[in-house]
Amino acid sequence: MTTTPIPRARPNGWYGMLVLVATESALFGALLATYAYLHFHDPRWPPPGIEPPSITAPLVLSLVLVATIAPMALAARTARRRRAGPLVAPIALALIVQVAYLAFQAHLYADDLDRFSAGGSAYGSIYFTLLAVHHAHVGVGVLLDCWLLARVRGGLTEYRRGAVMAIALYWYFVGLVGLAVTATILIPSW
């Protein structure tokens, strides 16, 4: 009796997520290009009365978000090996850090809204739009993690295995685009 090896191709959900990441890359590319265009066409960036953003908190937070890629990569690797046991802990760890990141960023965002408005200048408009879009992506990722944790507790099916790999891919994208957003926002502070 011969056994047929299990195919090691990526699941369809992973390719679907890859297409989503590609389209979202275009969205972030357009937002980052808009920021750069506005910055280089206005010699007073940010405009008078608006202090450049602080460097420390956004930079540390971005690095913390990027660090959550590691537990998600571990979960994806575990899922690729078809092992359910060690899946919950890395996803839960990443989720806790991602929620803390989002809460702290929401606080900073609200603080910035108290200092200047989104409608007061081109700087305010692109600054708040860029941050809001990124924070929305983090929020979606948090919801995906919650859904994933609820599903993998019931065992690792092929569908759930694909979901772990696809959601890990999403977090790779969100972490890396977070670095690009942070670098772009911090340009006036350098």
C-alpha atoms as a PDB file:
ATOM      1  CA  MET A   1       0.000   0.000   0.000  1.00  0.00           C
ATOM      2  CA  THR A   2       1.428   3.345  -1.021  1.00  0.00           C
ATOM      3  CA  THR A   3       0.471   6.597   0.532  1.00  0.00           C
ATOM      4  CA  THR A   4       0.045   9.754  -1.414  1.00  0.00           C
ATOM      5  CA  PRO A   5       2.012  12.616   0.081  1.00  0.00           C
ATOM      6  CA  ILE A   6       0.007  15.557   1.336  1.00  0.00           C
ATOM      7  CA  PRO A   7       0.372  18.453  -1.078  1.00  0.00           C
ATOM      8  CA  ARG A   8       2.333  21.371   0.352  1.00  0.00           C
ATOM      9  CA  ALA A   9       0.819  24.062  -1.852  1.00  0.00           C
ATOM     10  CA  ARG A  10      -0.416  27.199  -0.195  1.00  0.00           C
ATOM     11  CA  PRO A  11      -4.152  27.275   0.482  1.00  0.00           C
ATOM     12  CA  ASN A  12      -6.475  29.379  -1.663  1.00  0.00           C
ATOM     13  CA  GLY A  13      -7.141  31.728   1.266  1.00  0.00           C
ATOM     14  CA  TRP A  14      -3.456  32.614   1.346  1.00  0.00           C
ATOM     15  CA  TYR A  15      -3.566  33.651  -2.303  1.00  0.00           C
ATOM     16  CA  GLY A  16      -6.732  35.641  -1.636  1.00  0.00           C
ATOM     17  CA  MET A  17      -4.948  37.442   1.182  1.00  0.00           C
ATOM     18  CA  LEU A  18      -1.996  38.068  -1.122  1.00  0.00           C
ATOM     19  CA  VAL A  19      -4.337  39.812  -3.572  1.00  0.00           C
ATOM     20  CA  LEU A  20      -5.835  41.860  -0.724  1.00  0.00           C
ATOM     21  CA  VAL A  21      -2.357  42.846   0.471  1.00  0.00           C
ATOM     22  CA  ALA A  22      -1.452  43.899  -3.075  1.00  0.00           C
ATOM     23  CA  THR A  23      -4.507  46.151  -3.351  1.00  0.00           C
ATOM     24  CA  GLU A  24      -3.922  47.591   0.115  1.00  0.00           C
ATOM     25  CA  SER A  25      -0.304  48.244  -0.852  1.00  0.00           C
ATOM     26  CA  ALA A  26      -1.619  50.419  -3.677  1.00  0.00           C
ATOM     27  CA  LEU A  27      -3.810  52.314  -1.180  1.00  0.00           C
ATOM     28  CA  PHE A  28      -0.893  52.945   1.165  1.00  0.00           C
ATOM     29  CA  GLY A  29       1.365  53.784  -1.769  1.00  0.00           C
ATOM     30  CA  ALA A  30      -1.095  56.466  -2.868  1.00  0.00           C
ATOM     31  CA  LEU A  31      -1.383  57.879   0.673  1.00  0.00           C
ATOM     32  CA  LEU A  32       2.384  57.924   1.201  1.00  0.00           C
ATOM     33  CA  ALA A  33       2.916  59.522  -2.208  1.00  0.00           C
ATOM     34  CA  THR A  34       0.298  62.159  -1.355  1.00  0.00           C
ATOM     35  CA  TYR A  35       2.084  62.933   1.898  1.00  0.00           C
ATOM     36  CA  ALA A  36       5.414  63.233   0.056  1.00  0.00           C
ATOM     37  CA  TYR A  37       3.903  65.425  -2.672  1.00  0.00           C
ATOM     38  CA  LEU A  38       2.296  67.782  -0.168  1.00  0.00           C
ATOM     39  CA  HIS A  39       5.442  67.886   1.957  1.00  0.00           C
ATOM     40  CA  PHE A  40       7.745  68.776  -0.916  1.00  0.00           C
ATOM     41  CA  HIS A  41       5.382  71.442  -2.268  1.00  0.00           C
ATOM     42  CA  ASP A  42       4.956  73.281   1.035  1.00  0.00           C
ATOM     43  CA  PRO A  43       8.104  74.807   2.531  1.00  0.00           C
ATOM     44  CA  ARG A  44       6.365  75.078   5.922  1.00  0.00           C
ATOM     45  CA  TRP A  45       5.778  71.432   6.807  1.00  0.00           C
ATOM     46  CA  PRO A  46       4.128  71.087   9.230  1.00  0.00           C
ATOM     47  CA  PRO A  47       2.477  74.508   9.003  1.00  0.00           C
ATOM     48  CA  PRO A  48       3.101  77.187  11.622  1.00  0.00           C
ATOM     49  CA  GLY A  49       1.386  76.428  14.906  1.00  0.00           C
ATOM     50  CA  ILE A  50       1.750  72.650  14.569  1.00  0.00           C
ATOM     51  CA  GLU A  51       4.748  71.059  16.216  1.00  0.00           C
ATOM     52  CA  PRO A  52       6.459  68.187  14.403  1.00  0.00           C
ATOM     53  CA  PRO A  53       5.469  64.811  15.873  1.00  0.00           C
ATOM     54  CA  SER A  54       7.575  63.339  18.643  1.00  0.00           C
ATOM     55  CA  ILE A  55       9.863  60.550  17.547  1.00  0.00           C
ATOM     56  CA  THR A  56      10.082  58.234  20.537  1.00  0.00           C
ATOM     57  CA  ALA A  57       6.525  56.953  21.078  1.00  0.00           C
ATOM     58  CA  PRO A  58       5.632  56.341  17.389  1.00  0.00           C
ATOM     59  CA  LEU A  59       8.972  54.678  16.697  1.00  0.00           C
ATOM     60  CA  VAL A  60       8.799  52.390  19.735  1.00  0.00           C
ATOM     61  CA  LEU A  61       5.174  51.524  18.982  1.00  0.00           C
ATOM     62  CA  SER A  62       6.007  50.670  15.373  1.00  0.00           C
ATOM     63  CA  LEU A  63       8.805  48.372  16.483  1.00  0.00           C
ATOM     64  CA  VAL A  64       6.446  46.732  18.991  1.00  0.00           C
ATOM     65  CA  LEU A  65       3.907  46.137  16.208  1.00  0.00           C
ATOM     66  CA  VAL A  66       6.598  44.696  13.949  1.00  0.00           C
ATOM     67  CA  ALA A  67       7.647  42.381  16.802  1.00  0.00           C
ATOM     68  CA  THR A  68       4.198  40.755  16.649  1.00  0.00           C
ATOM     69  CA  ILE A  69       5.194  39.353  13.277  1.00  0.00           C
ATOM     70  CA  ALA A  70       7.367  36.785  15.099  1.00  0.00           C
ATOM     71  CA  PRO A  71       4.561  35.006  17.001  1.00  0.00           C
ATOM     72  CA  MET A  72       2.344  35.131  13.919  1.00  0.00           C
ATOM     73  CA  ALA A  73       5.156  33.580  11.850  1.00  0.00           C
ATOM     74  CA  LEU A  74       5.514  30.877  14.500  1.00  0.00           C
ATOM     75  CA  ALA A  75       1.779  30.193  14.322  1.00  0.00           C
ATOM     76  CA  ALA A  76       1.917  30.019  10.513  1.00  0.00           C
ATOM     77  CA  ARG A  77       4.884  27.640  10.649  1.00  0.00           C
ATOM     78  CA  THR A  78       3.073  25.466  13.166  1.00  0.00           C
ATOM     79  CA  ALA A  79      -0.030  25.425  10.966  1.00  0.00           C
ATOM     80  CA  ARG A  80       2.040  24.511   7.883  1.00  0.00           C
ATOM     81  CA  ARG A  81       3.339  21.526   9.861  1.00  0.00           C
ATOM     82  CA  ARG A  82      -0.267  20.639  10.709  1.00  0.00           C
ATOM     83  CA  ARG A  83       0.219  20.855  14.490  1.00  0.00           C
ATOM     84  CA  ALA A  84      -2.641  22.417  16.445  1.00  0.00           C
ATOM     85  CA  GLY A  85      -1.226  22.442  19.967  1.00  0.00           C
ATOM     86  CA  PRO A  86       1.171  25.396  19.989  1.00  0.00           C
ATOM     87  CA  LEU A  87      -1.052  27.615  17.823  1.00  0.00           C
ATOM     88  CA  VAL A  88      -3.114  29.374  20.472  1.00  0.00           C
ATOM     89  CA  ALA A  89      -0.288  30.804  22.608  1.00  0.00           C
ATOM     90  CA  PRO A  90       1.583  32.734  19.875  1.00  0.00           C
ATOM     91  CA  ILE A  91      -1.646  34.095  18.381  1.00  0.00           C
ATOM     92  CA  ALA A  92      -2.872  35.147  21.841  1.00  0.00           C
ATOM     93  CA  LEU A  93       0.475  36.802  22.606  1.00  0.00           C
ATOM     94  CA  ALA A  94       0.399  38.706  19.319  1.00  0.00           C
ATOM     95  CA  LEU A  95      -3.211  39.719  19.946  1.00  0.00           C
ATOM     96  CA  ILE A  96      -2.456  41.133  23.397  1.00  0.00           C
ATOM     97  CA  VAL A  97       0.431  43.213  22.057  1.00  0.00           C
ATOM     98  CA  GLN A  98      -1.587  44.356  19.027  1.00  0.00           C
ATOM     99  CA  VAL A  99      -4.507  45.473  21.205  1.00  0.00           C
ATOM    100  CA  ALA A 100      -2.119  47.380  23.492  1.00  0.00           C
ATOM    101  CA  TYR A 101      -0.523  48.982  20.420  1.00  0.00           C
ATOM    102  CA  LEU A 102      -3.909  50.035  19.051  1.00  0.00           C
ATOM    103  CA  ALA A 103      -5.064  51.419  22.418  1.00  0.00           C
ATOM    104  CA  PHE A 104      -1.904  53.478  22.829  1.00  0.00           C
ATOM    105  CA  GLN A 105      -2.089  54.716  19.227  1.00  0.00           C
ATOM    106  CA  ALA A 106      -5.741  55.705  19.712  1.00  0.00           C
ATOM    107  CA  HIS A 107      -4.671  57.760  22.727  1.00  0.00           C
ATOM    108  CA  LEU A 108      -1.924  59.483  20.706  1.00  0.00           C
ATOM    109  CA  TYR A 109      -4.352  60.085  17.825  1.00  0.00           C
ATOM    110  CA  ALA A 110      -6.899  61.721  20.145  1.00  0.00           C
ATOM    111  CA  ASP A 111      -4.132  63.805  21.700  1.00  0.00           C
ATOM    112  CA  ASP A 112      -3.058  64.993  18.250  1.00  0.00           C
ATOM    113  CA  LEU A 113      -6.678  65.893  17.422  1.00  0.00           C
ATOM    114  CA  ASP A 114      -6.677  68.134  20.498  1.00  0.00           C
ATOM    115  CA  ARG A 115      -3.541  69.911  19.248  1.00  0.00           C
ATOM    116  CA  PHE A 116      -4.601  70.492  15.613  1.00  0.00           C
ATOM    117  CA  SER A 117      -7.469  69.563  13.297  1.00  0.00           C
ATOM    118  CA  ALA A 118      -7.698  67.383  10.260  1.00  0.00           C
ATOM    119  CA  GLY A 119      -9.479  70.126   8.321  1.00  0.00           C
ATOM    120  CA  GLY A 120      -7.152  72.984   9.213  1.00  0.00           C
ATOM    121  CA  SER A 121      -4.413  72.263   6.666  1.00  0.00           C
ATOM    122  CA  ALA A 122      -3.209  69.811   4.050  1.00  0.00           C
ATOM    123  CA  TYR A 123      -0.776  68.518   6.665  1.00  0.00           C
ATOM    124  CA  GLY A 124      -3.559  67.780   9.160  1.00  0.00           C
ATOM    125  CA  SER A 125      -5.662  66.125   6.492  1.00  0.00           C
ATOM    126  CA  ILE A 126      -3.012  63.710   5.202  1.00  0.00           C
ATOM    127  CA  TYR A 127      -1.547  63.120   8.672  1.00  0.00           C
ATOM    128  CA  PHE A 128      -4.844  62.021  10.191  1.00  0.00           C
ATOM    129  CA  THR A 129      -5.955  60.132   7.075  1.00  0.00           C
ATOM    130  CA  LEU A 130      -2.725  58.139   6.887  1.00  0.00           C
ATOM    131  CA  LEU A 131      -2.819  57.260  10.575  1.00  0.00           C
ATOM    132  CA  ALA A 132      -6.539  56.436  10.543  1.00  0.00           C
ATOM    133  CA  VAL A 133      -6.178  54.073   7.586  1.00  0.00           C
ATOM    134  CA  HIS A 134      -3.277  52.281   9.239  1.00  0.00           C
ATOM    135  CA  HIS A 135      -5.066  52.054  12.593  1.00  0.00           C
ATOM    136  CA  ALA A 136      -8.140  50.678  10.812  1.00  0.00           C
ATOM    137  CA  HIS A 137      -5.965  47.941   9.325  1.00  0.00           C
ATOM    138  CA  VAL A 138      -4.619  47.094  12.777  1.00  0.00           C
ATOM    139  CA  GLY A 139      -8.209  46.983  14.072  1.00  0.00           C
ATOM    140  CA  VAL A 140      -9.218  44.590  11.293  1.00  0.00           C
ATOM    141  CA  GLY A 141      -6.199  42.431  12.132  1.00  0.00           C
ATOM    142  CA  VAL A 142      -7.225  42.334  15.796  1.00  0.00           C
ATOM    143  CA  LEU A 143     -10.684  41.142  14.766  1.00  0.00           C
ATOM    144  CA  LEU A 144      -9.116  38.504  12.508  1.00  0.00           C
ATOM    145  CA  ASP A 145      -6.962  37.302  15.410  1.00  0.00           C
ATOM    146  CA  CYS A 146     -10.018  37.042  17.689  1.00  0.00           C
ATOM    147  CA  TRP A 147     -11.878  35.058  15.054  1.00  0.00           C
ATOM    148  CA  LEU A 148      -8.834  32.861  14.502  1.00  0.00           C
ATOM    149  CA  LEU A 149      -8.413  32.119  18.214  1.00  0.00           C
ATOM    150  CA  ALA A 150     -12.066  31.132  18.468  1.00  0.00           C
ATOM    151  CA  ARG A 151     -11.717  28.778  15.479  1.00  0.00           C
ATOM    152  CA  VAL A 152      -8.400  27.034  16.220  1.00  0.00           C
ATOM    153  CA  ARG A 153      -9.514  26.072  19.724  1.00  0.00           C
ATOM    154  CA  GLY A 154     -11.783  23.567  18.002  1.00  0.00           C
ATOM    155  CA  GLY A 155      -8.874  21.844  16.262  1.00  0.00           C
ATOM    156  CA  LEU A 156      -6.852  22.412  13.152  1.00  0.00           C
ATOM    157  CA  THR A 157      -8.745  21.660   9.958  1.00  0.00           C
ATOM    158  CA  GLU A 158      -7.364  22.408   6.497  1.00  0.00           C
ATOM    159  CA  TYR A 159      -9.583  25.489   6.354  1.00  0.00           C
ATOM    160  CA  ARG A 160      -8.269  26.768   9.693  1.00  0.00           C
ATOM    161  CA  ARG A 161      -4.721  25.959   8.676  1.00  0.00           C
ATOM    162  CA  GLY A 162      -5.163  28.159   5.629  1.00  0.00           C
ATOM    163  CA  ALA A 163      -6.702  30.894   7.775  1.00  0.00           C
ATOM    164  CA  VAL A 164      -3.695  30.933  10.108  1.00  0.00           C
ATOM    165  CA  MET A 165      -1.322  31.282   7.175  1.00  0.00           C
ATOM    166  CA  ALA A 166      -3.444  33.980   5.495  1.00  0.00           C
ATOM    167  CA  ILE A 167      -3.844  36.045   8.658  1.00  0.00           C
ATOM    168  CA  ALA A 168      -0.115  35.786   9.358  1.00  0.00           C
ATOM    169  CA  LEU A 169       0.507  37.163   5.856  1.00  0.00           C
ATOM    170  CA  TYR A 170      -1.867  40.043   6.651  1.00  0.00           C
ATOM    171  CA  TRP A 171       0.120  40.856   9.807  1.00  0.00           C
ATOM    172  CA  TYR A 172       3.422  40.795   7.903  1.00  0.00           C
ATOM    173  CA  PHE A 173       1.956  43.445   5.633  1.00  0.00           C
ATOM    174  CA  VAL A 174       0.443  45.551   8.445  1.00  0.00           C
ATOM    175  CA  GLY A 175       3.706  45.507  10.418  1.00  0.00           C
ATOM    176  CA  LEU A 176       5.847  46.519   7.467  1.00  0.00           C
ATOM    177  CA  VAL A 177       3.462  49.203   6.248  1.00  0.00           C
ATOM    178  CA  GLY A 178       3.387  50.492   9.821  1.00  0.00           C
ATOM    179  CA  LEU A 179       7.117  51.131   9.555  1.00  0.00           C
ATOM    180  CA  ALA A 180       6.608  53.012   6.289  1.00  0.00           C
ATOM    181  CA  VAL A 181       3.786  55.104   7.765  1.00  0.00           C
ATOM    182  CA  THR A 182       5.826  55.911  10.869  1.00  0.00           C
ATOM    183  CA  ALA A 183       8.895  56.866   8.847  1.00  0.00           C
ATOM    184  CA  THR A 184       6.786  59.112   6.628  1.00  0.00           C
ATOM    185  CA  ILE A 185       5.006  60.814   9.529  1.00  0.00           C
ATOM    186  CA  LEU A 186       8.293  61.383  11.363  1.00  0.00           C
ATOM    187  CA  ILE A 187      10.105  63.018   8.410  1.00  0.00           C
ATOM    188  CA  PRO A 188       9.370  66.570   9.669  1.00  0.00           C
ATOM    189  CA  SER A 189      10.980  65.682  13.025  1.00  0.00           C
ATOM    190  CA  TRP A 190      14.331  64.655  11.534  1.00  0.00           C
END
